[in-house]
């Protein structure tokens, strides 16, 4: 059992609450960017002790037996459990988690600052890896995940091109503060061909827009768990060995790798805190695009 100290509010929570992800556990406590302290351990738990600060991510457990689990692709497990979707999550004072899928966090950074790393950071990191060695990287949708990925990309010497909703001057200014070399609306063409692009906004129309922006051989990574339908587009946008791929969930190895990298950058998360009883307000602000950075609930 974990005493929740902070829980990030993720766009996936919106997809669950709004019914865009089918077959959730009902009734359900959402939330999968959980930071807290171990309050009690079940029998057989050896790696954690009461009082340890830990993080609970989206991937809550896997079967361990399917072909994906056996081949190191546990993010594609046939019988997974997901925190805040099929397992009760962190919009609460306490939660229960499988100790094998919990990350030790140490004591660096505040609970609120650490919470967005548990999904926005982890999924963003996996997306960045899927984008390859892209020197010129486009980020479509400059919210919680993109503001973390931008810092890691800049740390790695990449050039970041940020695409926002039309006229979102606040997000554009935020991207510039984080070192983006170019900022524009999502329908704009950047001044340079991109090596890769990551789409965090759940808007299918951004796929052809991103394909148009990347060079031949470039990669477009769809980083969300849900997206509106992708409209038809001319084959010439895909031609030239351009690649469109999705990112699904995460592996524990992703988490360990990113949580080691984050303090080296160091990643600084921008958060807006809400009391737990204002969870609906936080979700509404995320839905409307009123947030800069990430929302975090504090019990």
Protein backbone atom coordinates (compact mmCIF):
# COMPACT_ATOMS: atom_id res chain seq x y z
CA UNK A 1 0.00 0.00 0.00
CA UNK A 2 1.21 3.48 -0.89
CA UNK A 3 0.29 6.77 0.77
CA UNK A 4 -0.13 9.09 -2.23
CA UNK A 5 1.81 12.36 -2.03
CA UNK A 6 1.08 13.59 -5.56
CA UNK A 7 -0.58 12.32 -8.73
CA UNK A 8 -0.14 13.89 -12.13
CA UNK A 9 -3.12 14.57 -14.38
CA UNK A 10 -2.43 13.03 -17.77
CA UNK A 11 -4.28 13.34 -21.09
CA UNK A 12 -4.83 9.58 -20.90
CA UNK A 13 -6.94 10.25 -17.80
CA UNK A 14 -9.11 12.47 -19.99
CA UNK A 15 -9.49 9.70 -22.57
CA UNK A 16 -10.60 7.33 -19.79
CA UNK A 17 -12.97 9.81 -18.12
CA UNK A 18 -14.44 10.92 -21.45
CA UNK A 19 -15.11 7.33 -22.52
CA UNK A 20 -12.67 7.32 -25.43
CA UNK A 21 -10.84 4.28 -24.02
CA UNK A 22 -13.18 1.32 -23.84
CA UNK A 23 -13.79 -1.19 -21.06
CA UNK A 24 -12.26 0.53 -18.03
CA UNK A 25 -12.65 -1.04 -14.62
CA UNK A 26 -15.83 0.41 -13.11
CA UNK A 27 -16.10 1.94 -10.63
CA UNK A 28 -12.63 3.37 -11.17
CA UNK A 29 -10.15 5.66 -9.42
CA UNK A 30 -8.11 7.32 -12.23
CA UNK A 31 -4.49 8.45 -12.11
CA UNK A 32 -1.22 6.82 -13.14
CA UNK A 33 1.52 9.36 -12.42
CA UNK A 34 1.73 8.52 -8.73
CA UNK A 35 4.37 9.56 -6.22
CA UNK A 36 4.05 8.40 -2.64
CA UNK A 37 5.50 6.57 0.34
CA UNK A 38 5.26 2.84 1.00
CA UNK A 39 2.80 2.48 3.87
CA UNK A 40 2.75 -1.33 4.01
CA UNK A 41 4.23 -4.25 2.08
CA UNK A 42 2.58 -7.53 1.22
CA UNK A 43 4.18 -10.90 1.90
CA UNK A 44 7.17 -11.65 -0.27
CA UNK A 45 8.09 -8.01 -1.04
CA UNK A 46 11.84 -7.71 -0.53
CA UNK A 47 12.97 -4.71 -2.59
CA UNK A 48 10.83 -2.05 -0.87
CA UNK A 49 10.45 -0.96 2.73
CA UNK A 50 7.92 1.16 4.57
CA UNK A 51 8.74 4.84 4.13
CA UNK A 52 10.45 4.45 0.73
CA UNK A 53 9.44 7.08 -1.83
CA UNK A 54 8.20 5.35 -4.97
CA UNK A 55 6.55 6.06 -8.30
CA UNK A 56 3.68 4.10 -9.85
CA UNK A 57 3.37 4.27 -13.66
CA UNK A 58 0.72 3.38 -16.25
CA UNK A 59 1.90 -0.23 -16.68
CA UNK A 60 0.57 -1.89 -13.55
CA UNK A 61 1.39 -5.53 -14.28
CA UNK A 62 1.92 -8.01 -17.11
CA UNK A 63 1.28 -11.71 -17.49
CA UNK A 64 4.96 -12.56 -17.90
CA UNK A 65 4.09 -15.55 -20.09
CA UNK A 66 2.91 -14.33 -23.50
CA UNK A 67 5.23 -14.09 -26.49
CA UNK A 68 5.63 -10.33 -26.00
CA UNK A 69 6.62 -10.62 -22.35
CA UNK A 70 9.08 -13.41 -23.13
CA UNK A 71 10.71 -11.34 -25.89
CA UNK A 72 11.27 -8.20 -23.81
CA UNK A 73 8.21 -6.38 -25.18
CA UNK A 74 6.15 -6.34 -22.02
CA UNK A 75 4.60 -3.05 -23.14
CA UNK A 76 2.66 -5.14 -25.69
CA UNK A 77 1.57 -7.84 -23.21
CA UNK A 78 -1.62 -9.68 -24.17
CA UNK A 79 -2.98 -9.61 -20.60
CA UNK A 80 -1.73 -6.40 -19.00
CA UNK A 81 -3.06 -4.26 -16.18
CA UNK A 82 -3.00 -0.47 -16.38
CA UNK A 83 -2.98 1.89 -13.42
CA UNK A 84 -5.95 4.22 -13.41
CA UNK A 85 -7.70 2.22 -16.16
CA UNK A 86 -8.02 -1.45 -15.25
CA UNK A 87 -6.46 -0.99 -11.78
CA UNK A 88 -7.48 1.73 -9.34
CA UNK A 89 -5.07 4.65 -9.53
CA UNK A 90 -3.79 7.66 -7.65
CA UNK A 91 -6.63 10.20 -7.47
CA UNK A 92 -6.80 9.10 -3.84
CA UNK A 93 -5.02 9.25 -0.50
CA UNK A 94 -3.85 5.63 -0.77
CA UNK A 95 -3.37 3.11 -3.58
CA UNK A 96 -2.18 -0.46 -4.00
CA UNK A 97 0.44 -1.43 -6.61
CA UNK A 98 2.38 -4.49 -7.71
CA UNK A 99 5.86 -4.08 -6.19
CA UNK A 100 7.45 -5.45 -9.37
CA UNK A 101 6.11 -2.47 -11.35
CA UNK A 102 6.94 0.29 -8.88
CA UNK A 103 9.98 2.52 -9.28
CA UNK A 104 12.18 3.62 -6.38
CA UNK A 105 12.52 7.42 -6.66
CA UNK A 106 15.00 8.41 -3.96
CA UNK A 107 14.68 11.80 -2.31
CA UNK A 108 15.73 14.28 -5.03
CA UNK A 109 12.99 16.61 -6.28
CA UNK A 110 9.60 17.42 -4.81
CA UNK A 111 6.71 14.99 -5.09
CA UNK A 112 4.80 17.35 -7.41
CA UNK A 113 7.83 17.83 -9.66
CA UNK A 114 8.42 14.09 -9.91
CA UNK A 115 4.83 13.07 -10.71
CA UNK A 116 4.82 14.05 -14.44
CA UNK A 117 7.94 11.97 -15.01
CA UNK A 118 5.89 8.81 -14.38
CA UNK A 119 4.02 9.06 -17.71
CA UNK A 120 4.69 12.29 -19.60
CA UNK A 121 8.37 11.67 -19.01
CA UNK A 122 8.40 7.91 -19.57
CA UNK A 123 6.27 7.88 -22.70
CA UNK A 124 8.07 10.95 -24.03
CA UNK A 125 11.38 9.16 -23.53
CA UNK A 126 10.16 6.09 -25.41
CA UNK A 127 8.87 8.33 -28.23
CA UNK A 128 12.24 10.07 -28.44
CA UNK A 129 13.99 6.72 -28.71
CA UNK A 130 11.61 5.66 -31.50
CA UNK A 131 12.45 8.90 -33.33
CA UNK A 132 16.02 7.64 -33.75
CA UNK A 133 19.03 9.92 -33.97
CA UNK A 134 17.01 12.83 -35.34
CA UNK A 135 19.02 16.06 -35.25
CA UNK A 136 16.01 18.24 -36.17
CA UNK A 137 13.04 17.10 -34.09
CA UNK A 138 9.47 18.40 -34.36
CA UNK A 139 7.12 18.24 -31.36
CA UNK A 140 3.41 18.59 -32.12
CA UNK A 141 1.45 19.63 -29.03
CA UNK A 142 3.59 21.40 -26.45
CA UNK A 143 2.16 20.15 -23.15
CA UNK A 144 3.36 17.97 -20.29
CA UNK A 145 5.22 15.36 -22.36
CA UNK A 146 6.71 17.75 -24.91
CA UNK A 147 8.10 20.12 -22.29
CA UNK A 148 10.05 17.19 -20.81
CA UNK A 149 11.15 15.74 -24.16
CA UNK A 150 12.35 19.16 -25.29
CA UNK A 151 14.75 19.34 -22.35
CA UNK A 152 16.14 15.87 -22.99
CA UNK A 153 16.49 16.55 -26.73
CA UNK A 154 18.34 19.81 -26.11
CA UNK A 155 20.60 18.00 -23.62
CA UNK A 156 21.43 15.52 -26.39
CA UNK A 157 22.31 18.33 -28.80
CA UNK A 158 19.18 18.11 -30.97
CA UNK A 159 17.31 21.08 -32.42
CA UNK A 160 13.67 21.27 -31.29
CA UNK A 161 10.88 22.65 -33.49
CA UNK A 162 7.67 23.22 -31.51
CA UNK A 163 4.16 23.14 -33.01
CA UNK A 164 1.19 24.38 -30.97
CA UNK A 165 -2.51 25.07 -31.40
CA UNK A 166 -3.11 28.03 -33.67
CA UNK A 167 -2.59 31.25 -31.75
CA UNK A 168 -1.49 29.59 -28.48
CA UNK A 169 1.04 32.30 -27.66
CA UNK A 170 1.51 31.07 -24.09
CA UNK A 171 2.60 27.59 -25.20
CA UNK A 172 4.80 29.10 -27.92
CA UNK A 173 6.56 31.35 -25.41
CA UNK A 174 7.00 28.34 -23.11
CA UNK A 175 8.63 26.37 -25.94
CA UNK A 176 11.03 29.22 -26.65
CA UNK A 177 11.97 29.37 -22.96
CA UNK A 178 12.91 25.69 -23.18
CA UNK A 179 15.21 26.27 -26.13
CA UNK A 180 13.10 25.55 -29.22
CA UNK A 181 14.88 26.92 -32.29
CA UNK A 182 11.56 27.51 -34.08
CA UNK A 183 7.97 27.77 -32.87
CA UNK A 184 4.78 27.88 -34.94
CA UNK A 185 1.20 26.74 -35.37
CA UNK A 186 0.61 23.05 -36.04
CA UNK A 187 -0.43 23.82 -39.63
CA UNK A 188 2.77 25.77 -40.39
CA UNK A 189 5.71 24.42 -42.33
CA UNK A 190 8.99 24.74 -40.44
CA UNK A 191 11.89 26.54 -42.12
CA UNK A 192 13.93 23.30 -42.28
CA UNK A 193 13.07 19.71 -43.14
CA UNK A 194 12.74 17.65 -39.98
CA UNK A 195 14.49 14.36 -39.39
CA UNK A 196 11.63 13.17 -37.19
CA UNK A 197 8.47 14.40 -35.49
CA UNK A 198 6.60 13.29 -32.38
CA UNK A 199 2.86 13.93 -32.15
CA UNK A 200 1.55 14.29 -28.60
CA UNK A 201 -1.72 16.06 -29.45
CA UNK A 202 -4.57 13.55 -30.04
CA UNK A 203 -5.38 15.00 -33.45
CA UNK A 204 -5.25 12.65 -36.44
CA UNK A 205 -4.94 15.52 -38.91
CA UNK A 206 -1.45 16.16 -37.55
CA UNK A 207 -0.16 12.91 -39.09
CA UNK A 208 -0.20 14.17 -42.70
CA UNK A 209 1.00 17.58 -41.47
CA UNK A 210 3.99 15.96 -39.79
CA UNK A 211 4.70 13.74 -42.82
CA UNK A 212 4.82 16.88 -44.93
CA UNK A 213 7.36 18.39 -42.53
CA UNK A 214 9.79 15.45 -42.32
CA UNK A 215 12.41 14.63 -44.92
CA UNK A 216 12.64 11.42 -46.94
CA UNK A 217 13.48 8.57 -44.60
CA UNK A 218 12.05 10.55 -41.70
CA UNK A 219 9.92 9.17 -38.87
CA UNK A 220 6.60 10.37 -37.47
CA UNK A 221 5.93 8.98 -33.99
CA UNK A 222 2.38 9.02 -32.58
CA UNK A 223 2.87 9.24 -28.83
CA UNK A 224 -0.70 9.13 -27.53
CA UNK A 225 -2.87 6.18 -26.57
CA UNK A 226 -5.86 7.69 -28.41
CA UNK A 227 -6.14 9.87 -31.51
CA UNK A 228 -8.94 11.12 -33.68
CA UNK A 229 -9.21 9.52 -37.11
CA UNK A 230 -6.35 10.17 -39.50
CA UNK A 231 -7.69 11.79 -42.69
CA UNK A 232 -6.75 10.52 -46.13
CA UNK A 233 -3.64 12.06 -47.63
CA UNK A 234 -1.72 11.75 -50.89
CA UNK A 235 0.76 8.91 -51.11
CA UNK A 236 3.53 11.36 -51.94
CA UNK A 237 3.59 12.43 -48.27
CA UNK A 238 4.45 8.87 -47.22
CA UNK A 239 6.64 8.04 -50.20
CA UNK A 240 10.39 8.33 -49.79
CA UNK A 241 10.53 5.69 -47.07
CA UNK A 242 8.95 7.91 -44.48
CA UNK A 243 7.68 5.96 -41.47
CA UNK A 244 4.60 6.40 -39.27
CA UNK A 245 4.62 4.46 -36.01
CA UNK A 246 2.82 4.42 -32.68
CA UNK A 247 4.19 4.07 -29.17
CA UNK A 248 2.31 1.75 -26.83
CA UNK A 249 2.68 1.89 -23.06
CA UNK A 250 6.18 1.42 -21.62
CA UNK A 251 8.51 -1.20 -20.25
CA UNK A 252 10.13 -1.22 -16.84
CA UNK A 253 13.47 -0.87 -18.62
CA UNK A 254 12.19 2.38 -20.17
CA UNK A 255 11.39 3.66 -16.70
CA UNK A 256 14.71 2.74 -15.16
CA UNK A 257 16.59 4.28 -18.09
CA UNK A 258 14.66 7.54 -18.06
CA UNK A 259 14.67 7.98 -14.27
CA UNK A 260 18.46 7.64 -14.38
CA UNK A 261 18.74 10.13 -17.26
CA UNK A 262 16.35 12.78 -15.90
CA UNK A 263 18.61 14.08 -13.08
CA UNK A 264 21.58 14.17 -15.45
CA UNK A 265 19.82 16.61 -17.80
CA UNK A 266 18.48 17.79 -15.30
CA UNK A 267 14.79 17.73 -16.24
CA UNK A 268 12.80 20.54 -14.60
CA UNK A 269 9.06 19.99 -14.71
CA UNK A 270 6.64 22.90 -14.76
CA UNK A 271 3.57 22.01 -12.71
CA UNK A 272 0.29 23.48 -11.52
CA UNK A 273 -0.93 21.95 -8.25
CA UNK A 274 -4.58 21.30 -7.39
CA UNK A 275 -6.02 19.85 -4.18
CA UNK A 276 -7.42 16.35 -4.67
CA UNK A 277 -11.02 17.56 -4.42
CA UNK A 278 -10.39 19.81 -7.46
CA UNK A 279 -9.60 16.86 -9.76
CA UNK A 280 -12.47 17.72 -12.11
CA UNK A 281 -11.19 21.29 -12.35
CA UNK A 282 -7.71 20.04 -13.25
CA UNK A 283 -9.17 17.74 -15.93
CA UNK A 284 -11.24 20.60 -17.34
CA UNK A 285 -8.19 22.87 -17.53
CA UNK A 286 -6.26 20.15 -19.35
CA UNK A 287 -9.16 19.55 -21.71
CA UNK A 288 -9.42 23.25 -22.59
CA UNK A 289 -5.68 23.74 -23.11
CA UNK A 290 -5.47 26.20 -20.22
CA UNK A 291 -2.38 24.57 -18.66
CA UNK A 292 1.28 25.37 -19.17
CA UNK A 293 3.22 22.26 -18.20
CA UNK A 294 1.51 19.56 -16.13
CA UNK A 295 -1.33 19.47 -13.61
CA UNK A 296 -0.69 17.62 -10.35
CA UNK A 297 -3.18 16.60 -7.66
CA UNK A 298 -2.05 16.89 -4.04
CA UNK A 299 -4.09 14.88 -1.46
